[in-house]
N, C-alpha and C. Protein backbone atom coordinates (compact mmCIF):
# COMPACT_ATOMS: atom_id res chain seq x y z
N UNK A 1 0.83 -1.20 -0.01
CA UNK A 1 -0.02 -0.02 0.01
C UNK A 1 0.89 1.24 0.02
N UNK A 2 0.34 2.31 -0.54
CA UNK A 2 1.08 3.56 -0.53
C UNK A 2 0.15 4.62 0.00
N UNK A 3 0.71 5.84 0.34
CA UNK A 3 -0.14 6.90 0.85
C UNK A 3 -1.19 7.37 -0.23
N UNK A 4 -1.01 7.09 -1.48
CA UNK A 4 -1.96 7.47 -2.51
C UNK A 4 -3.08 6.49 -2.70
N UNK A 5 -2.97 5.26 -2.14
CA UNK A 5 -3.96 4.23 -2.29
C UNK A 5 -5.13 4.43 -1.39
N UNK A 6 -6.29 4.37 -1.89
CA UNK A 6 -7.53 4.45 -1.12
C UNK A 6 -8.26 3.15 -1.15
N UNK A 7 -9.27 2.91 -0.32
CA UNK A 7 -10.01 1.71 -0.37
C UNK A 7 -10.75 1.61 -1.67
N UNK A 8 -11.23 2.69 -2.26
CA UNK A 8 -11.85 2.62 -3.51
C UNK A 8 -10.93 2.10 -4.60
N UNK A 9 -9.72 2.58 -4.61
CA UNK A 9 -8.71 2.21 -5.60
C UNK A 9 -8.42 0.70 -5.43
N UNK A 10 -8.34 0.23 -4.21
CA UNK A 10 -8.03 -1.11 -3.97
C UNK A 10 -9.14 -2.02 -4.48
N UNK A 11 -10.42 -1.70 -4.21
CA UNK A 11 -11.48 -2.57 -4.67
C UNK A 11 -11.64 -2.48 -6.19
N UNK A 12 -11.28 -1.41 -6.80
CA UNK A 12 -11.31 -1.32 -8.28
C UNK A 12 -10.44 -2.44 -8.86
N UNK A 13 -9.31 -2.73 -8.20
CA UNK A 13 -8.41 -3.81 -8.65
C UNK A 13 -9.06 -5.19 -8.59
N UNK A 14 -10.12 -5.33 -7.79
CA UNK A 14 -10.79 -6.61 -7.66
C UNK A 14 -12.14 -6.56 -8.44
N UNK A 15 -12.32 -5.65 -9.31
CA UNK A 15 -13.52 -5.57 -10.09
C UNK A 15 -14.64 -4.79 -9.42
N UNK A 16 -14.32 -4.05 -8.35
CA UNK A 16 -15.33 -3.21 -7.68
C UNK A 16 -15.80 -3.71 -6.33
N UNK A 17 -15.40 -4.92 -5.96
CA UNK A 17 -15.77 -5.41 -4.63
C UNK A 17 -14.66 -6.34 -4.08
N UNK A 18 -14.68 -6.58 -2.81
CA UNK A 18 -13.72 -7.50 -2.19
C UNK A 18 -13.95 -8.94 -2.72
N UNK A 19 -12.85 -9.66 -3.03
CA UNK A 19 -13.03 -11.07 -3.41
C UNK A 19 -13.62 -11.96 -2.32
N UNK A 20 -14.18 -13.06 -2.69
CA UNK A 20 -14.71 -14.03 -1.70
C UNK A 20 -13.63 -14.47 -0.72
N UNK A 21 -13.93 -14.51 0.51
CA UNK A 21 -13.00 -14.92 1.62
C UNK A 21 -11.89 -13.93 1.85
N UNK A 22 -11.99 -12.77 1.30
CA UNK A 22 -11.01 -11.71 1.52
C UNK A 22 -11.79 -10.49 1.97
N UNK A 23 -11.58 -10.05 3.24
CA UNK A 23 -12.38 -8.99 3.77
C UNK A 23 -11.56 -7.72 3.97
N UNK A 24 -12.15 -6.58 3.65
CA UNK A 24 -11.52 -5.34 3.94
C UNK A 24 -11.74 -4.89 5.36
N UNK A 25 -11.16 -3.74 5.72
CA UNK A 25 -11.34 -3.25 7.07
C UNK A 25 -12.78 -2.81 7.36
N UNK A 26 -13.22 -2.86 8.60
CA UNK A 26 -14.54 -2.38 8.97
C UNK A 26 -14.64 -0.89 8.80
N UNK A 27 -15.74 -0.40 8.24
CA UNK A 27 -15.96 1.01 8.05
C UNK A 27 -16.21 1.66 9.39
N UNK A 28 -15.46 2.69 9.67
CA UNK A 28 -15.64 3.51 10.89
C UNK A 28 -15.48 2.83 12.22
N UNK A 29 -14.77 1.65 12.20
CA UNK A 29 -14.67 0.99 13.49
C UNK A 29 -13.33 0.24 13.59
N UNK A 30 -12.63 0.52 14.70
CA UNK A 30 -11.47 -0.32 15.10
C UNK A 30 -11.97 -1.28 16.20
N UNK A 31 -11.48 -2.49 16.15
CA UNK A 31 -11.92 -3.43 17.16
C UNK A 31 -11.30 -3.06 18.53
N UNK A 32 -11.83 -3.63 19.60
CA UNK A 32 -11.38 -3.25 20.98
C UNK A 32 -9.92 -3.42 21.17
N UNK A 33 -9.32 -4.48 20.61
CA UNK A 33 -7.88 -4.74 20.79
C UNK A 33 -7.07 -3.61 20.11
N UNK A 34 -7.45 -3.21 18.90
CA UNK A 34 -6.77 -2.12 18.22
C UNK A 34 -6.97 -0.82 18.94
N UNK A 35 -8.12 -0.60 19.47
CA UNK A 35 -8.37 0.65 20.20
C UNK A 35 -7.46 0.75 21.42
N UNK A 36 -7.31 -0.35 22.19
CA UNK A 36 -6.49 -0.38 23.38
C UNK A 36 -5.02 -0.12 22.95
N UNK A 37 -4.55 -0.77 21.88
CA UNK A 37 -3.16 -0.57 21.48
C UNK A 37 -2.94 0.94 21.16
N UNK A 38 -3.85 1.51 20.39
CA UNK A 38 -3.65 2.91 20.02
C UNK A 38 -3.81 3.84 21.24
N UNK A 39 -4.78 3.59 22.08
CA UNK A 39 -5.02 4.42 23.25
C UNK A 39 -3.75 4.35 24.17
N UNK A 40 -3.22 3.23 24.40
CA UNK A 40 -2.01 3.16 25.23
C UNK A 40 -0.85 3.91 24.65
N UNK A 41 -0.65 3.82 23.32
CA UNK A 41 0.41 4.59 22.67
C UNK A 41 0.12 6.09 22.71
N UNK A 42 -1.14 6.47 22.44
CA UNK A 42 -1.45 7.88 22.44
C UNK A 42 -1.32 8.50 23.84
N UNK A 43 -1.75 7.72 24.86
CA UNK A 43 -1.62 8.22 26.25
C UNK A 43 -0.19 8.51 26.63
N UNK A 44 0.77 7.79 26.10
CA UNK A 44 2.18 8.06 26.39
C UNK A 44 2.62 9.44 25.80
N UNK A 45 1.87 9.98 24.87
CA UNK A 45 2.28 11.24 24.23
C UNK A 45 1.47 12.37 24.71
N UNK A 46 0.75 12.25 25.81
CA UNK A 46 -0.04 13.36 26.34
C UNK A 46 -0.07 13.24 27.89
N UNK A 47 0.36 14.32 28.60
CA UNK A 47 0.30 14.26 30.03
C UNK A 47 -1.13 14.39 30.54
N UNK A 48 -2.07 14.74 29.70
CA UNK A 48 -3.45 14.90 30.11
C UNK A 48 -4.10 13.50 30.32
N UNK A 49 -4.80 13.36 31.42
CA UNK A 49 -5.49 12.10 31.65
C UNK A 49 -6.90 12.17 31.08
N UNK A 50 -7.43 13.35 30.93
CA UNK A 50 -8.80 13.46 30.41
C UNK A 50 -8.74 13.51 28.86
N UNK A 51 -9.84 12.95 28.23
CA UNK A 51 -9.94 13.02 26.80
C UNK A 51 -11.39 13.25 26.51
N UNK A 52 -11.64 13.69 25.30
CA UNK A 52 -12.95 13.93 24.80
C UNK A 52 -13.26 13.06 23.57
N UNK A 53 -14.44 12.55 23.52
CA UNK A 53 -14.88 11.63 22.49
C UNK A 53 -16.19 12.13 21.84
N UNK A 54 -16.15 12.34 20.57
CA UNK A 54 -17.35 12.83 19.87
C UNK A 54 -17.77 11.87 18.82
N UNK A 55 -19.01 11.55 18.81
CA UNK A 55 -19.65 10.65 17.83
C UNK A 55 -20.57 11.48 16.96
N UNK A 56 -20.36 11.46 15.65
CA UNK A 56 -21.32 12.04 14.77
C UNK A 56 -22.60 11.21 14.83
N UNK A 57 -23.76 11.81 14.74
CA UNK A 57 -25.00 11.07 14.97
C UNK A 57 -25.16 9.91 14.02
N UNK A 58 -24.63 9.96 12.85
CA UNK A 58 -24.75 8.83 11.93
C UNK A 58 -23.80 7.65 12.31
N UNK A 59 -22.92 7.90 13.25
CA UNK A 59 -22.07 6.85 13.77
C UNK A 59 -22.66 6.20 14.99
N UNK A 60 -23.88 6.58 15.40
CA UNK A 60 -24.51 6.01 16.54
C UNK A 60 -25.69 5.15 16.10
N UNK A 61 -26.34 4.48 17.02
CA UNK A 61 -27.56 3.78 16.70
C UNK A 61 -28.79 4.64 16.85
N UNK A 62 -28.60 5.87 17.23
CA UNK A 62 -29.69 6.82 17.49
C UNK A 62 -30.02 7.65 16.26
N UNK A 63 -30.39 7.02 15.17
CA UNK A 63 -30.64 7.72 13.94
C UNK A 63 -31.88 8.61 13.98
N UNK A 64 -32.79 8.32 14.87
CA UNK A 64 -34.05 9.06 14.97
C UNK A 64 -33.81 10.40 15.58
N UNK A 65 -32.86 10.52 16.50
CA UNK A 65 -32.60 11.73 17.20
C UNK A 65 -31.79 12.73 16.44
N UNK A 66 -30.88 12.27 15.60
CA UNK A 66 -30.08 13.19 14.76
C UNK A 66 -29.14 14.10 15.60
N UNK A 67 -28.71 13.65 16.79
CA UNK A 67 -27.85 14.46 17.60
C UNK A 67 -26.47 13.79 17.81
N UNK A 68 -25.42 14.59 17.64
CA UNK A 68 -24.09 14.11 17.95
C UNK A 68 -24.07 13.74 19.42
N UNK A 69 -23.09 12.92 19.83
CA UNK A 69 -22.95 12.58 21.25
C UNK A 69 -21.50 12.83 21.59
N UNK A 70 -21.26 13.36 22.80
CA UNK A 70 -19.88 13.66 23.27
C UNK A 70 -19.74 13.16 24.70
N UNK A 71 -18.56 12.64 24.97
CA UNK A 71 -18.24 12.14 26.25
C UNK A 71 -16.89 12.67 26.71
N UNK A 72 -16.67 12.68 28.02
CA UNK A 72 -15.39 13.00 28.57
C UNK A 72 -15.03 11.84 29.47
N UNK A 73 -13.74 11.43 29.43
CA UNK A 73 -13.26 10.41 30.23
C UNK A 73 -11.76 10.26 30.15
N UNK A 74 -11.24 9.09 30.53
CA UNK A 74 -9.85 8.88 30.38
C UNK A 74 -9.50 8.38 28.93
N UNK A 75 -8.30 8.57 28.49
CA UNK A 75 -7.92 8.17 27.14
C UNK A 75 -8.26 6.68 26.90
N UNK A 76 -7.93 5.84 27.85
CA UNK A 76 -8.13 4.40 27.70
C UNK A 76 -9.64 4.03 27.69
N UNK A 77 -10.53 4.94 28.04
CA UNK A 77 -11.96 4.66 28.01
C UNK A 77 -12.48 4.45 26.59
N UNK A 78 -11.70 4.81 25.62
CA UNK A 78 -12.20 4.69 24.24
C UNK A 78 -12.53 3.24 23.87
N UNK A 79 -11.84 2.29 24.50
CA UNK A 79 -12.11 0.91 24.19
C UNK A 79 -13.44 0.38 24.78
N UNK A 80 -13.99 1.03 25.76
CA UNK A 80 -15.24 0.61 26.32
C UNK A 80 -16.48 1.46 26.01
N UNK A 81 -16.26 2.55 25.24
CA UNK A 81 -17.38 3.40 24.91
C UNK A 81 -18.44 2.72 24.06
N UNK A 82 -18.00 1.68 23.31
CA UNK A 82 -18.97 0.95 22.54
C UNK A 82 -19.99 0.21 23.36
N UNK A 83 -19.76 0.08 24.67
CA UNK A 83 -20.77 -0.53 25.58
C UNK A 83 -21.86 0.42 25.93
N UNK A 84 -21.68 1.76 25.69
CA UNK A 84 -22.66 2.73 26.03
C UNK A 84 -23.86 2.62 25.10
N UNK A 85 -25.09 2.98 25.61
CA UNK A 85 -26.25 2.96 24.65
C UNK A 85 -26.05 3.98 23.50
N UNK A 86 -26.50 3.51 22.36
CA UNK A 86 -26.44 4.33 21.12
C UNK A 86 -25.03 4.56 20.59
N UNK A 87 -24.10 3.74 21.02
CA UNK A 87 -22.71 3.92 20.52
C UNK A 87 -22.14 2.59 19.97
N UNK A 88 -23.00 1.75 19.49
CA UNK A 88 -22.60 0.36 19.13
C UNK A 88 -22.05 0.31 17.73
N UNK A 89 -22.20 1.24 16.89
CA UNK A 89 -21.81 1.13 15.45
C UNK A 89 -20.35 1.36 15.22
N UNK A 90 -19.76 2.33 15.80
CA UNK A 90 -18.43 2.81 15.30
C UNK A 90 -17.50 3.26 16.43
N UNK A 91 -16.27 3.50 16.01
CA UNK A 91 -15.27 4.16 16.83
C UNK A 91 -15.67 5.68 16.89
N UNK A 92 -15.30 6.37 17.97
CA UNK A 92 -15.65 7.82 17.98
C UNK A 92 -15.18 8.50 16.72
N UNK A 93 -16.00 9.45 16.27
CA UNK A 93 -15.65 10.20 15.11
C UNK A 93 -14.39 11.03 15.27
N UNK A 94 -14.26 11.62 16.48
CA UNK A 94 -13.07 12.41 16.92
C UNK A 94 -12.81 12.09 18.32
N UNK A 95 -11.54 11.92 18.69
CA UNK A 95 -11.15 11.86 20.08
C UNK A 95 -9.78 12.51 20.26
N UNK A 96 -9.63 13.22 21.40
CA UNK A 96 -8.42 13.97 21.61
C UNK A 96 -8.28 14.21 23.15
N UNK A 97 -7.03 14.39 23.62
CA UNK A 97 -6.83 14.67 25.01
C UNK A 97 -7.10 16.15 25.33
N UNK A 98 -7.26 16.46 26.57
CA UNK A 98 -7.55 17.85 27.03
C UNK A 98 -6.46 18.81 26.67
N UNK A 99 -5.20 18.34 26.53
CA UNK A 99 -4.10 19.22 26.11
C UNK A 99 -3.93 19.38 24.60
N UNK A 100 -4.80 18.75 23.82
CA UNK A 100 -4.80 18.79 22.33
C UNK A 100 -3.52 18.37 21.71
N UNK A 101 -2.81 17.45 22.34
CA UNK A 101 -1.51 16.97 21.89
C UNK A 101 -1.63 16.15 20.58
N UNK A 102 -2.81 15.60 20.35
CA UNK A 102 -3.04 14.78 19.17
C UNK A 102 -4.54 14.76 18.92
N UNK A 103 -4.95 14.21 17.77
CA UNK A 103 -6.36 14.06 17.49
C UNK A 103 -6.51 12.81 16.57
N UNK A 104 -7.53 12.06 16.87
CA UNK A 104 -7.86 10.87 16.03
C UNK A 104 -9.20 11.09 15.37
N UNK A 105 -9.27 10.79 14.09
CA UNK A 105 -10.54 10.95 13.35
C UNK A 105 -10.85 9.64 12.60
N UNK A 106 -12.08 9.16 12.79
CA UNK A 106 -12.61 7.98 12.12
C UNK A 106 -13.98 8.31 11.62
N UNK A 107 -14.15 8.43 10.35
CA UNK A 107 -15.48 8.70 9.76
C UNK A 107 -16.23 7.37 9.72
N UNK A 108 -17.57 7.43 9.91
CA UNK A 108 -18.38 6.21 10.00
C UNK A 108 -18.40 5.41 8.70
N UNK A 109 -18.05 5.96 7.61
CA UNK A 109 -18.11 5.18 6.35
C UNK A 109 -16.70 5.12 5.66
N UNK A 110 -15.66 5.38 6.44
CA UNK A 110 -14.31 5.25 5.82
C UNK A 110 -13.62 4.06 6.40
N UNK A 111 -12.69 3.49 5.73
CA UNK A 111 -11.96 2.33 6.13
C UNK A 111 -10.55 2.68 6.68
N UNK A 112 -10.39 3.94 7.01
CA UNK A 112 -9.11 4.39 7.55
C UNK A 112 -9.36 5.32 8.75
N UNK A 113 -8.39 5.35 9.61
CA UNK A 113 -8.36 6.27 10.77
C UNK A 113 -7.23 7.21 10.61
N UNK A 114 -7.47 8.49 10.84
CA UNK A 114 -6.42 9.44 10.75
C UNK A 114 -5.92 9.91 12.10
N UNK A 115 -4.65 10.07 12.30
CA UNK A 115 -4.11 10.53 13.54
C UNK A 115 -3.18 11.70 13.23
N UNK A 116 -3.40 12.84 13.92
CA UNK A 116 -2.47 13.93 13.82
C UNK A 116 -1.83 14.15 15.19
N UNK A 117 -0.53 14.41 15.11
CA UNK A 117 0.16 14.60 16.35
C UNK A 117 1.64 15.01 16.12
N UNK A 118 2.46 14.93 17.16
CA UNK A 118 3.83 15.27 17.07
C UNK A 118 4.61 14.31 16.19
N UNK A 119 5.80 14.65 15.77
CA UNK A 119 6.64 13.78 14.99
C UNK A 119 6.93 12.50 15.75
N UNK A 120 7.19 12.67 17.06
CA UNK A 120 7.49 11.46 17.94
C UNK A 120 6.32 10.52 17.96
N UNK A 121 5.10 11.06 18.11
CA UNK A 121 3.92 10.21 18.16
C UNK A 121 3.77 9.52 16.82
N UNK A 122 3.89 10.18 15.72
CA UNK A 122 3.68 9.54 14.44
C UNK A 122 4.77 8.48 14.20
N UNK A 123 6.03 8.72 14.62
CA UNK A 123 7.07 7.74 14.52
C UNK A 123 6.73 6.47 15.31
N UNK A 124 6.18 6.67 16.52
CA UNK A 124 5.80 5.53 17.31
C UNK A 124 4.65 4.72 16.67
N UNK A 125 3.69 5.43 16.07
CA UNK A 125 2.60 4.74 15.37
C UNK A 125 3.13 3.93 14.17
N UNK A 126 4.02 4.53 13.41
CA UNK A 126 4.58 3.86 12.25
C UNK A 126 5.43 2.67 12.62
N UNK A 127 6.11 2.73 13.79
CA UNK A 127 7.01 1.66 14.21
C UNK A 127 6.30 0.53 14.92
N UNK A 128 5.09 0.74 15.36
CA UNK A 128 4.39 -0.28 16.21
C UNK A 128 4.02 -1.49 15.36
N UNK A 129 4.42 -2.68 15.74
CA UNK A 129 4.24 -3.88 14.89
C UNK A 129 2.75 -4.27 14.75
N UNK A 130 1.87 -3.87 15.61
CA UNK A 130 0.48 -4.27 15.50
C UNK A 130 -0.39 -3.19 14.82
N UNK A 131 0.22 -2.11 14.33
CA UNK A 131 -0.56 -1.02 13.68
C UNK A 131 -0.05 -0.95 12.20
N UNK A 132 -1.01 -0.97 11.35
CA UNK A 132 -0.78 -0.77 9.92
C UNK A 132 -0.94 0.75 9.64
N UNK A 133 0.14 1.43 9.35
CA UNK A 133 0.05 2.90 9.23
C UNK A 133 0.94 3.37 8.10
N UNK A 134 0.47 4.48 7.50
CA UNK A 134 1.21 5.17 6.47
C UNK A 134 1.31 6.65 6.88
N UNK A 135 2.45 7.25 6.57
CA UNK A 135 2.58 8.71 6.82
C UNK A 135 1.93 9.45 5.62
N UNK A 136 1.04 10.34 5.92
CA UNK A 136 0.36 11.13 4.89
C UNK A 136 0.76 12.61 5.15
N UNK A 137 1.28 13.26 4.15
CA UNK A 137 1.67 14.61 4.30
C UNK A 137 0.50 15.58 4.33
N UNK A 138 0.69 16.76 4.80
CA UNK A 138 -0.36 17.76 4.87
C UNK A 138 -0.91 18.16 3.48
N UNK A 139 -0.08 17.93 2.47
CA UNK A 139 -0.48 18.30 1.11
C UNK A 139 -1.21 17.24 0.36
N UNK A 140 -1.47 16.08 0.99
CA UNK A 140 -2.13 15.00 0.32
C UNK A 140 -3.65 15.01 0.52
N UNK A 141 -4.35 14.74 -0.54
CA UNK A 141 -5.80 14.55 -0.46
C UNK A 141 -6.12 13.07 -0.32
N UNK A 142 -6.93 12.73 0.66
CA UNK A 142 -7.26 11.32 0.84
C UNK A 142 -8.56 11.04 0.16
N UNK A 143 -8.60 9.90 -0.53
CA UNK A 143 -9.81 9.45 -1.22
C UNK A 143 -10.29 10.43 -2.27
N UNK A 144 -9.31 11.16 -2.86
CA UNK A 144 -9.64 12.14 -3.93
C UNK A 144 -9.84 11.36 -5.22
N UNK A 145 -10.80 11.74 -6.07
CA UNK A 145 -10.99 11.04 -7.34
C UNK A 145 -9.72 11.19 -8.22
N UNK A 146 -9.45 10.08 -8.92
CA UNK A 146 -8.27 10.14 -9.81
C UNK A 146 -8.65 10.97 -11.07
N UNK A 147 -7.61 11.23 -11.90
CA UNK A 147 -7.85 12.07 -13.07
C UNK A 147 -8.82 11.41 -14.09
N UNK A 148 -8.86 10.09 -14.05
CA UNK A 148 -9.73 9.38 -15.02
C UNK A 148 -11.17 9.36 -14.53
N UNK A 149 -11.41 9.82 -13.31
CA UNK A 149 -12.79 9.89 -12.84
C UNK A 149 -13.17 8.63 -12.07
């Protein structure tokens, strides 16, 4: 994979969908194990113990209400937020510590999670053996249509 590759480009290589017995990443969701790995790594890069977690209403099970939901807790709480009512579908849309040292963004219908932070944090993410990560520069557009349309 390269920083220019998107999930749409990957599936085009398979004729527009994932092949049988080959599954892509879950849209808008990291599993609990991956959340804990990331939360532990992110917590080492922020002296703040409090964090904020925001769910876009389409990432919740509360489609009738149409209201975003926000929570405050410890950074490691991100792995258990899916146990809360109306938060069963996805990873938080945005989460960040009180000191704003980093920010994580996961859209409910994207197969990637974006992390912004210090060079040291990004280096740790890229080096972690359980995390599949690519460095994306500030000048890159993600999931932008190619020239051929």
